[in-house]
Amino acid sequence: MSNDKLENNSQRVKGGVFAQADIDLLKKTLDYYIKNNKNLDSKEQSKISLLFHRLGRMSSR
């Protein structure tokens, strides 16, 4: 199997093993979690926001 193609014809995100659909789902999940979890402290919220941003950068490649 080459690095450019997966057996199921999904596009591989450079630097990772997530499909684009996975990244979109993770971003939606994180967004929901941030908006609906009243117990997040600012440090956790900051970490999640940074992860959300990194996922966005992965999906734009």
Protein backbone atom coordinates (compact mmCIF):
# COMPACT_ATOMS: atom_id res chain seq x y z
CA MET A 1 0.00 0.00 0.00
CA SER A 2 1.44 3.38 -0.96
CA ASN A 3 1.46 6.44 1.29
CA ASP A 4 -0.77 8.28 -1.19
CA LYS A 5 -3.65 5.80 -1.23
CA LEU A 6 -5.43 3.80 1.42
CA GLU A 7 -7.20 0.55 0.63
CA ASN A 8 -10.63 2.14 1.16
CA ASN A 9 -9.78 5.12 -1.10
CA SER A 10 -9.89 7.61 1.82
CA GLN A 11 -7.56 10.56 1.56
CA ARG A 12 -4.79 10.48 4.12
CA VAL A 13 -4.13 13.71 6.00
CA LYS A 14 -0.44 14.57 5.84
CA GLY A 15 1.21 13.85 9.16
CA GLY A 16 -1.65 11.75 10.50
CA VAL A 17 -3.98 8.85 10.05
CA PHE A 18 -7.30 10.68 10.31
CA ALA A 19 -9.64 10.96 7.36
CA GLN A 20 -11.13 14.38 6.65
CA ALA A 21 -14.50 13.15 7.95
CA ASP A 22 -12.81 12.16 11.23
CA ILE A 23 -11.36 15.63 11.67
CA ASP A 24 -14.70 17.29 10.98
CA LEU A 25 -16.41 15.02 13.52
CA LEU A 26 -13.73 15.67 16.15
CA LYS A 27 -14.09 19.43 15.66
CA LYS A 28 -17.88 19.23 16.04
CA THR A 29 -17.50 17.09 19.15
CA LEU A 30 -14.98 19.47 20.73
CA ASP A 31 -17.17 22.46 19.92
CA TYR A 32 -20.17 20.81 21.58
CA TYR A 33 -18.09 19.81 24.60
CA ILE A 34 -16.74 23.33 25.13
CA LYS A 35 -20.18 24.92 24.80
CA ASN A 36 -22.03 22.44 27.02
CA ASN A 37 -19.59 21.46 29.77
CA LYS A 38 -20.06 23.84 32.67
CA ASN A 39 -17.20 22.22 34.65
CA LEU A 40 -14.34 23.17 32.31
CA ASP A 41 -11.71 25.32 33.90
CA SER A 42 -9.89 27.91 31.80
CA LYS A 43 -6.77 25.74 31.45
CA GLU A 44 -8.76 22.80 30.04
CA GLN A 45 -10.73 25.12 27.77
CA SER A 46 -7.50 26.60 26.45
CA LYS A 47 -6.06 23.15 25.71
CA ILE A 48 -9.22 22.11 23.88
CA SER A 49 -9.24 25.35 21.89
CA LEU A 50 -5.64 24.74 20.80
CA LEU A 51 -6.51 21.18 19.77
CA PHE A 52 -9.48 22.51 17.78
CA HIS A 53 -7.15 24.95 16.03
CA ARG A 54 -4.60 22.21 15.22
CA LEU A 55 -7.34 20.02 13.78
CA GLY A 56 -8.37 22.95 11.59
CA ARG A 57 -4.83 23.27 10.31
CA MET A 58 -4.73 19.54 9.52
CA SER A 59 -7.93 19.77 7.51
CA SER A 60 -6.70 22.69 5.39
CA ARG A 61 -3.78 20.74 3.89
